[in-house]
PDB file of N, CA and C in Angstrom:
ATOM      1  N   MET A   1     -31.344  21.009 -16.549  1.00  0.00           N
ATOM      2  CA  MET A   1     -32.436  21.957 -16.526  1.00  0.00           C
ATOM      3  C   MET A   1     -33.142  21.915 -17.872  1.00  0.00           C
ATOM      4  N   GLU A   2     -34.465  21.857 -17.829  1.00  0.00           N
ATOM      5  CA  GLU A   2     -35.225  21.798 -19.066  1.00  0.00           C
ATOM      6  C   GLU A   2     -35.364  23.189 -19.686  1.00  0.00           C
ATOM      7  N   GLN A   3     -35.566  23.210 -20.984  1.00  0.00           N
ATOM      8  CA  GLN A   3     -35.718  24.465 -21.693  1.00  0.00           C
ATOM      9  C   GLN A   3     -37.115  25.026 -21.450  1.00  0.00           C
ATOM     10  N   LEU A   4     -37.203  26.336 -21.311  1.00  0.00           N
ATOM     11  CA  LEU A   4     -38.484  26.994 -21.076  1.00  0.00           C
ATOM     12  C   LEU A   4     -39.225  27.181 -22.384  1.00  0.00           C
ATOM     13  N   ASP A   5     -40.551  27.130 -22.313  1.00  0.00           N
ATOM     14  CA  ASP A   5     -41.311  27.437 -23.517  1.00  0.00           C
ATOM     15  C   ASP A   5     -41.488  28.959 -23.616  1.00  0.00           C
ATOM     16  N   ARG A   6     -41.966  29.405 -24.753  1.00  0.00           N
ATOM     17  CA  ARG A   6     -42.085  30.838 -25.022  1.00  0.00           C
ATOM     18  C   ARG A   6     -42.973  31.553 -24.001  1.00  0.00           C
ATOM     19  N   THR A   7     -44.015  30.894 -23.548  1.00  0.00           N
ATOM     20  CA  THR A   7     -44.920  31.500 -22.579  1.00  0.00           C
ATOM     21  C   THR A   7     -44.194  31.765 -21.266  1.00  0.00           C
ATOM     22  N   GLN A   8     -43.384  30.817 -20.823  1.00  0.00           N
ATOM     23  CA  GLN A   8     -42.630  30.994 -19.585  1.00  0.00           C
ATOM     24  C   GLN A   8     -41.607  32.117 -19.725  1.00  0.00           C
ATOM     25  N   VAL A   9     -40.909  32.144 -20.839  1.00  0.00           N
ATOM     26  CA  VAL A   9     -39.911  33.186 -21.074  1.00  0.00           C
ATOM     27  C   VAL A   9     -40.586  34.551 -21.091  1.00  0.00           C
ATOM     28  N   ARG A  10     -41.685  34.648 -21.791  1.00  0.00           N
ATOM     29  CA  ARG A  10     -42.413  35.919 -21.883  1.00  0.00           C
ATOM     30  C   ARG A  10     -42.847  36.397 -20.498  1.00  0.00           C
ATOM     31  N   ARG A  11     -43.346  35.475 -19.664  1.00  0.00           N
ATOM     32  CA  ARG A  11     -43.785  35.835 -18.325  1.00  0.00           C
ATOM     33  C   ARG A  11     -42.620  36.371 -17.492  1.00  0.00           C
ATOM     34  N   VAL A  12     -41.457  35.775 -17.643  1.00  0.00           N
ATOM     35  CA  VAL A  12     -40.284  36.199 -16.874  1.00  0.00           C
ATOM     36  C   VAL A  12     -39.840  37.600 -17.273  1.00  0.00           C
ATOM     37  N   ILE A  13     -39.773  37.885 -18.564  1.00  0.00           N
ATOM     38  CA  ILE A  13     -39.221  39.173 -19.010  1.00  0.00           C
ATOM     39  C   ILE A  13     -40.272  40.265 -19.186  1.00  0.00           C
ATOM     40  N   GLU A  14     -41.523  39.919 -19.090  1.00  0.00           N
ATOM     41  CA  GLU A  14     -42.600  40.891 -19.320  1.00  0.00           C
ATOM     42  C   GLU A  14     -42.468  42.166 -18.487  1.00  0.00           C
ATOM     43  N   PRO A  15     -42.115  42.096 -17.201  1.00  0.00           N
ATOM     44  CA  PRO A  15     -41.982  43.342 -16.438  1.00  0.00           C
ATOM     45  C   PRO A  15     -40.953  44.300 -17.039  1.00  0.00           C
ATOM     46  N   LEU A  16     -39.865  43.766 -17.561  1.00  0.00           N
ATOM     47  CA  LEU A  16     -38.840  44.624 -18.162  1.00  0.00           C
ATOM     48  C   LEU A  16     -39.333  45.266 -19.459  1.00  0.00           C
ATOM     49  N   LEU A  17     -40.065  44.503 -20.237  1.00  0.00           N
ATOM     50  CA  LEU A  17     -40.630  45.060 -21.476  1.00  0.00           C
ATOM     51  C   LEU A  17     -41.654  46.144 -21.145  1.00  0.00           C
ATOM     52  N   GLU A  18     -42.469  45.889 -20.132  1.00  0.00           N
ATOM     53  CA  GLU A  18     -43.470  46.879 -19.713  1.00  0.00           C
ATOM     54  C   GLU A  18     -42.819  48.142 -19.149  1.00  0.00           C
ATOM     55  N   ALA A  19     -41.615  48.001 -18.604  1.00  0.00           N
ATOM     56  CA  ALA A  19     -40.881  49.155 -18.066  1.00  0.00           C
ATOM     57  C   ALA A  19     -40.196  49.955 -19.171  1.00  0.00           C
ATOM     58  N   GLY A  20     -40.272  49.456 -20.413  1.00  0.00           N
ATOM     59  CA  GLY A  20     -39.748  50.215 -21.541  1.00  0.00           C
ATOM     60  C   GLY A  20     -38.469  49.694 -22.169  1.00  0.00           C
ATOM     61  N   LEU A  21     -37.928  48.589 -21.659  1.00  0.00           N
ATOM     62  CA  LEU A  21     -36.719  48.048 -22.278  1.00  0.00           C
ATOM     63  C   LEU A  21     -37.070  47.299 -23.560  1.00  0.00           C
ATOM     64  N   THR A  22     -36.110  47.263 -24.465  1.00  0.00           N
ATOM     65  CA  THR A  22     -36.272  46.493 -25.693  1.00  0.00           C
ATOM     66  C   THR A  22     -35.810  45.059 -25.435  1.00  0.00           C
ATOM     67  N   ILE A  23     -36.150  44.170 -26.345  1.00  0.00           N
ATOM     68  CA  ILE A  23     -35.676  42.780 -26.236  1.00  0.00           C
ATOM     69  C   ILE A  23     -34.155  42.744 -26.172  1.00  0.00           C
ATOM     70  N   ASP A  24     -33.486  43.558 -26.988  1.00  0.00           N
ATOM     71  CA  ASP A  24     -32.021  43.587 -26.979  1.00  0.00           C
ATOM     72  C   ASP A  24     -31.484  43.998 -25.610  1.00  0.00           C
ATOM     73  N   GLN A  25     -32.093  44.978 -24.982  1.00  0.00           N
ATOM     74  CA  GLN A  25     -31.656  45.416 -23.656  1.00  0.00           C
ATOM     75  C   GLN A  25     -31.883  44.319 -22.609  1.00  0.00           C
ATOM     76  N   VAL A  26     -33.000  43.629 -22.727  1.00  0.00           N
ATOM     77  CA  VAL A  26     -33.284  42.522 -21.809  1.00  0.00           C
ATOM     78  C   VAL A  26     -32.245  41.425 -21.987  1.00  0.00           C
ATOM     79  N   GLU A  27     -31.919  41.096 -23.227  1.00  0.00           N
ATOM     80  CA  GLU A  27     -30.909  40.068 -23.490  1.00  0.00           C
ATOM     81  C   GLU A  27     -29.568  40.434 -22.851  1.00  0.00           C
ATOM     82  N   VAL A  28     -29.193  41.704 -22.943  1.00  0.00           N
ATOM     83  CA  VAL A  28     -27.924  42.147 -22.362  1.00  0.00           C
ATOM     84  C   VAL A  28     -27.955  41.959 -20.842  1.00  0.00           C
ATOM     85  N   LEU A  29     -29.045  42.348 -20.196  1.00  0.00           N
ATOM     86  CA  LEU A  29     -29.143  42.188 -18.744  1.00  0.00           C
ATOM     87  C   LEU A  29     -29.065  40.722 -18.327  1.00  0.00           C
ATOM     88  N   VAL A  30     -29.800  39.879 -19.016  1.00  0.00           N
ATOM     89  CA  VAL A  30     -29.812  38.456 -18.658  1.00  0.00           C
ATOM     90  C   VAL A  30     -28.442  37.831 -18.930  1.00  0.00           C
ATOM     91  N   PHE A  31     -27.789  38.232 -20.018  1.00  0.00           N
ATOM     92  CA  PHE A  31     -26.445  37.735 -20.301  1.00  0.00           C
ATOM     93  C   PHE A  31     -25.483  38.156 -19.199  1.00  0.00           C
ATOM     94  N   ARG A  32     -25.555  39.420 -18.796  1.00  0.00           N
ATOM     95  CA  ARG A  32     -24.671  39.918 -17.734  1.00  0.00           C
ATOM     96  C   ARG A  32     -24.906  39.160 -16.431  1.00  0.00           C
ATOM     97  N   LEU A  33     -26.168  38.881 -16.124  1.00  0.00           N
ATOM     98  CA  LEU A  33     -26.495  38.116 -14.922  1.00  0.00           C
ATOM     99  C   LEU A  33     -25.869  36.728 -14.990  1.00  0.00           C
ATOM    100  N   GLY A  34     -26.030  36.064 -16.118  1.00  0.00           N
ATOM    101  CA  GLY A  34     -25.443  34.736 -16.292  1.00  0.00           C
ATOM    102  C   GLY A  34     -23.925  34.764 -16.237  1.00  0.00           C
ATOM    103  N   PHE A  35     -23.335  35.759 -16.875  1.00  0.00           N
ATOM    104  CA  PHE A  35     -21.880  35.884 -16.883  1.00  0.00           C
ATOM    105  C   PHE A  35     -21.356  36.064 -15.468  1.00  0.00           C
ATOM    106  N   GLU A  36     -21.982  36.942 -14.703  1.00  0.00           N
ATOM    107  CA  GLU A  36     -21.560  37.171 -13.325  1.00  0.00           C
ATOM    108  C   GLU A  36     -21.717  35.907 -12.484  1.00  0.00           C
ATOM    109  N   ALA A  37     -22.769  35.154 -12.741  1.00  0.00           N
ATOM    110  CA  ALA A  37     -22.992  33.919 -11.988  1.00  0.00           C
ATOM    111  C   ALA A  37     -21.891  32.900 -12.265  1.00  0.00           C
ATOM    112  N   VAL A  38     -21.368  32.900 -13.488  1.00  0.00           N
ATOM    113  CA  VAL A  38     -20.351  31.915 -13.869  1.00  0.00           C
ATOM    114  C   VAL A  38     -18.946  32.363 -13.479  1.00  0.00           C
ATOM    115  N   VAL A  39     -18.595  33.612 -13.728  1.00  0.00           N
ATOM    116  CA  VAL A  39     -17.208  34.043 -13.522  1.00  0.00           C
ATOM    117  C   VAL A  39     -17.016  34.979 -12.338  1.00  0.00           C
ATOM    118  N   GLY A  40     -18.090  35.400 -11.696  1.00  0.00           N
ATOM    119  CA  GLY A  40     -17.976  36.311 -10.567  1.00  0.00           C
ATOM    120  C   GLY A  40     -17.237  35.670  -9.402  1.00  0.00           C
ATOM    121  N   ALA A  41     -16.640  36.506  -8.595  1.00  0.00           N
ATOM    122  CA  ALA A  41     -15.905  36.022  -7.424  1.00  0.00           C
ATOM    123  C   ALA A  41     -16.877  35.754  -6.289  1.00  0.00           C
ATOM    124  N   GLY A  42     -16.948  34.518  -5.875  1.00  0.00           N
ATOM    125  CA  GLY A  42     -17.803  34.157  -4.752  1.00  0.00           C
ATOM    126  C   GLY A  42     -19.266  34.089  -5.149  1.00  0.00           C
ATOM    127  N   PRO A  43     -20.084  33.670  -4.199  1.00  0.00           N
ATOM    128  CA  PRO A  43     -21.511  33.559  -4.494  1.00  0.00           C
ATOM    129  C   PRO A  43     -22.135  34.941  -4.705  1.00  0.00           C
ATOM    130  N   GLY A  44     -23.098  35.003  -5.604  1.00  0.00           N
ATOM    131  CA  GLY A  44     -23.793  36.251  -5.861  1.00  0.00           C
ATOM    132  C   GLY A  44     -24.696  36.615  -4.695  1.00  0.00           C
ATOM    133  N   THR A  45     -24.999  37.873  -4.586  1.00  0.00           N
ATOM    134  CA  THR A  45     -25.896  38.334  -3.543  1.00  0.00           C
ATOM    135  C   THR A  45     -27.051  39.081  -4.184  1.00  0.00           C
ATOM    136  N   VAL A  46     -28.077  39.301  -3.416  1.00  0.00           N
ATOM    137  CA  VAL A  46     -29.209  40.079  -3.919  1.00  0.00           C
ATOM    138  C   VAL A  46     -28.733  41.465  -4.324  1.00  0.00           C
ATOM    139  N   ALA A  47     -27.887  42.068  -3.505  1.00  0.00           N
ATOM    140  CA  ALA A  47     -27.371  43.401  -3.831  1.00  0.00           C
ATOM    141  C   ALA A  47     -26.587  43.372  -5.139  1.00  0.00           C
ATOM    142  N   GLY A  48     -25.821  42.304  -5.351  1.00  0.00           N
ATOM    143  CA  GLY A  48     -25.055  42.186  -6.585  1.00  0.00           C
ATOM    144  C   GLY A  48     -25.932  42.093  -7.812  1.00  0.00           C
ATOM    145  N   VAL A  49     -27.028  41.381  -7.679  1.00  0.00           N
ATOM    146  CA  VAL A  49     -27.974  41.250  -8.790  1.00  0.00           C
ATOM    147  C   VAL A  49     -28.541  42.612  -9.152  1.00  0.00           C
ATOM    148  N   HIS A  50     -28.833  43.400  -8.138  1.00  0.00           N
ATOM    149  CA  HIS A  50     -29.443  44.704  -8.393  1.00  0.00           C
ATOM    150  C   HIS A  50     -28.455  45.747  -8.903  1.00  0.00           C
ATOM    151  N   THR A  51     -27.153  45.520  -8.717  1.00  0.00           N
ATOM    152  CA  THR A  51     -26.180  46.474  -9.256  1.00  0.00           C
ATOM    153  C   THR A  51     -26.199  46.476 -10.782  1.00  0.00           C
ATOM    154  N   LEU A  52     -26.688  45.395 -11.379  1.00  0.00           N
ATOM    155  CA  LEU A  52     -26.760  45.332 -12.843  1.00  0.00           C
ATOM    156  C   LEU A  52     -27.701  46.388 -13.424  1.00  0.00           C
ATOM    157  N   VAL A  53     -28.642  46.867 -12.615  1.00  0.00           N
ATOM    158  CA  VAL A  53     -29.595  47.864 -13.101  1.00  0.00           C
ATOM    159  C   VAL A  53     -29.531  49.158 -12.298  1.00  0.00           C
ATOM    160  N   ALA A  54     -28.446  49.351 -11.557  1.00  0.00           N
ATOM    161  CA  ALA A  54     -28.318  50.521 -10.683  1.00  0.00           C
ATOM    162  C   ALA A  54     -28.441  51.847 -11.429  1.00  0.00           C
ATOM    163  N   ALA A  55     -28.001  51.884 -12.680  1.00  0.00           N
ATOM    164  CA  ALA A  55     -28.043  53.128 -13.450  1.00  0.00           C
ATOM    165  C   ALA A  55     -29.370  53.316 -14.189  1.00  0.00           C
ATOM    166  N   GLU A  56     -30.252  52.351 -14.072  1.00  0.00           N
ATOM    167  CA  GLU A  56     -31.543  52.415 -14.777  1.00  0.00           C
ATOM    168  C   GLU A  56     -32.573  53.181 -13.953  1.00  0.00           C
ATOM    169  N   SER A  57     -33.699  53.462 -14.575  1.00  0.00           N
ATOM    170  CA  SER A  57     -34.786  54.175 -13.904  1.00  0.00           C
ATOM    171  C   SER A  57     -35.362  53.328 -12.772  1.00  0.00           C
ATOM    172  N   PRO A  58     -36.049  53.959 -11.828  1.00  0.00           N
ATOM    173  CA  PRO A  58     -36.694  53.195 -10.748  1.00  0.00           C
ATOM    174  C   PRO A  58     -37.679  52.151 -11.283  1.00  0.00           C
ATOM    175  N   GLU A  59     -38.334  52.450 -12.397  1.00  0.00           N
ATOM    176  CA  GLU A  59     -39.276  51.498 -12.992  1.00  0.00           C
ATOM    177  C   GLU A  59     -38.559  50.236 -13.471  1.00  0.00           C
ATOM    178  N   VAL A  60     -37.421  50.425 -14.108  1.00  0.00           N
ATOM    179  CA  VAL A  60     -36.638  49.284 -14.592  1.00  0.00           C
ATOM    180  C   VAL A  60     -36.064  48.511 -13.406  1.00  0.00           C
ATOM    181  N   GLN A  61     -35.615  49.201 -12.383  1.00  0.00           N
ATOM    182  CA  GLN A  61     -35.089  48.523 -11.200  1.00  0.00           C
ATOM    183  C   GLN A  61     -36.164  47.655 -10.547  1.00  0.00           C
ATOM    184  N   ALA A  62     -37.376  48.185 -10.434  1.00  0.00           N
ATOM    185  CA  ALA A  62     -38.476  47.414  -9.851  1.00  0.00           C
ATOM    186  C   ALA A  62     -38.828  46.219 -10.744  1.00  0.00           C
ATOM    187  N   ALA A  63     -38.852  46.453 -12.053  1.00  0.00           N
ATOM    188  CA  ALA A  63     -39.158  45.374 -13.002  1.00  0.00           C
ATOM    189  C   ALA A  63     -38.088  44.291 -12.943  1.00  0.00           C
ATOM    190  N   TRP A  64     -36.832  44.674 -12.760  1.00  0.00           N
ATOM    191  CA  TRP A  64     -35.739  43.713 -12.655  1.00  0.00           C
ATOM    192  C   TRP A  64     -35.921  42.837 -11.422  1.00  0.00           C
ATOM    193  N   ALA A  65     -36.330  43.437 -10.320  1.00  0.00           N
ATOM    194  CA  ALA A  65     -36.563  42.665  -9.090  1.00  0.00           C
ATOM    195  C   ALA A  65     -37.649  41.621  -9.317  1.00  0.00           C
ATOM    196  N   VAL A  66     -38.715  42.007 -10.009  1.00  0.00           N
ATOM    197  CA  VAL A  66     -39.793  41.054 -10.322  1.00  0.00           C
ATOM    198  C   VAL A  66     -39.272  39.963 -11.254  1.00  0.00           C
ATOM    199  N   THR A  67     -38.508  40.344 -12.253  1.00  0.00           N
ATOM    200  CA  THR A  67     -37.963  39.394 -13.220  1.00  0.00           C
ATOM    201  C   THR A  67     -37.065  38.366 -12.535  1.00  0.00           C
ATOM    202  N   VAL A  68     -36.174  38.826 -11.688  1.00  0.00           N
ATOM    203  CA  VAL A  68     -35.274  37.907 -10.976  1.00  0.00           C
ATOM    204  C   VAL A  68     -36.090  36.982 -10.073  1.00  0.00           C
ATOM    205  N   GLY A  69     -37.102  37.525  -9.420  1.00  0.00           N
ATOM    206  CA  GLY A  69     -37.976  36.692  -8.595  1.00  0.00           C
ATOM    207  C   GLY A  69     -38.653  35.600  -9.404  1.00  0.00           C
ATOM    208  N   ARG A  70     -39.086  35.943 -10.607  1.00  0.00           N
ATOM    209  CA  ARG A  70     -39.719  34.946 -11.471  1.00  0.00           C
ATOM    210  C   ARG A  70     -38.720  33.907 -11.943  1.00  0.00           C
ATOM    211  N   MET A  71     -37.473  34.305 -12.171  1.00  0.00           N
ATOM    212  CA  MET A  71     -36.440  33.325 -12.531  1.00  0.00           C
ATOM    213  C   MET A  71     -36.241  32.337 -11.392  1.00  0.00           C
ATOM    214  N   ILE A  72     -36.209  32.843 -10.179  1.00  0.00           N
ATOM    215  CA  ILE A  72     -36.018  31.980  -9.015  1.00  0.00           C
ATOM    216  C   ILE A  72     -37.192  31.029  -8.866  1.00  0.00           C
ATOM    217  N   GLU A  73     -38.408  31.519  -9.084  1.00  0.00           N
ATOM    218  CA  GLU A  73     -39.597  30.655  -9.011  1.00  0.00           C
ATOM    219  C   GLU A  73     -39.491  29.492  -9.997  1.00  0.00           C
ATOM    220  N   LEU A  74     -38.998  29.763 -11.202  1.00  0.00           N
ATOM    221  CA  LEU A  74     -38.876  28.711 -12.216  1.00  0.00           C
ATOM    222  C   LEU A  74     -37.878  27.641 -11.806  1.00  0.00           C
ATOM    223  N   ALA A  75     -36.876  28.031 -11.043  1.00  0.00           N
ATOM    224  CA  ALA A  75     -35.863  27.066 -10.624  1.00  0.00           C
ATOM    225  C   ALA A  75     -36.426  26.062  -9.634  1.00  0.00           C
ATOM    226  N   GLY A  76     -37.445  26.462  -8.913  1.00  0.00           N
ATOM    227  CA  GLY A  76     -38.061  25.557  -7.940  1.00  0.00           C
ATOM    228  C   GLY A  76     -37.174  25.338  -6.731  1.00  0.00           C
ATOM    229  N   PRO A  77     -37.671  24.550  -5.777  1.00  0.00           N
ATOM    230  CA  PRO A  77     -36.887  24.306  -4.565  1.00  0.00           C
ATOM    231  C   PRO A  77     -35.647  23.454  -4.864  1.00  0.00           C
ATOM    232  N   THR A  78     -34.601  23.715  -4.105  1.00  0.00           N
ATOM    233  CA  THR A  78     -33.361  22.948  -4.306  1.00  0.00           C
ATOM    234  C   THR A  78     -33.173  21.925  -3.210  1.00  0.00           C
TER     235      THR A  78
END
């Protein structure tokens, strides 16, 4: 997988920043997502992805859904 440029990264995380999260908070969410993908039991599910932000505000939850969608778009078809 090729490395993303700053513009691509910014586009992916922008909804979370607009929802009020700091860069540090975004990093924690993305790290947790990656960690779960690597060590989690079984394949991840959409519901599992959203549990990472279950305690957050509705705005952050909506922004997370957009962010994850943008991550999937970057991966392209498999």
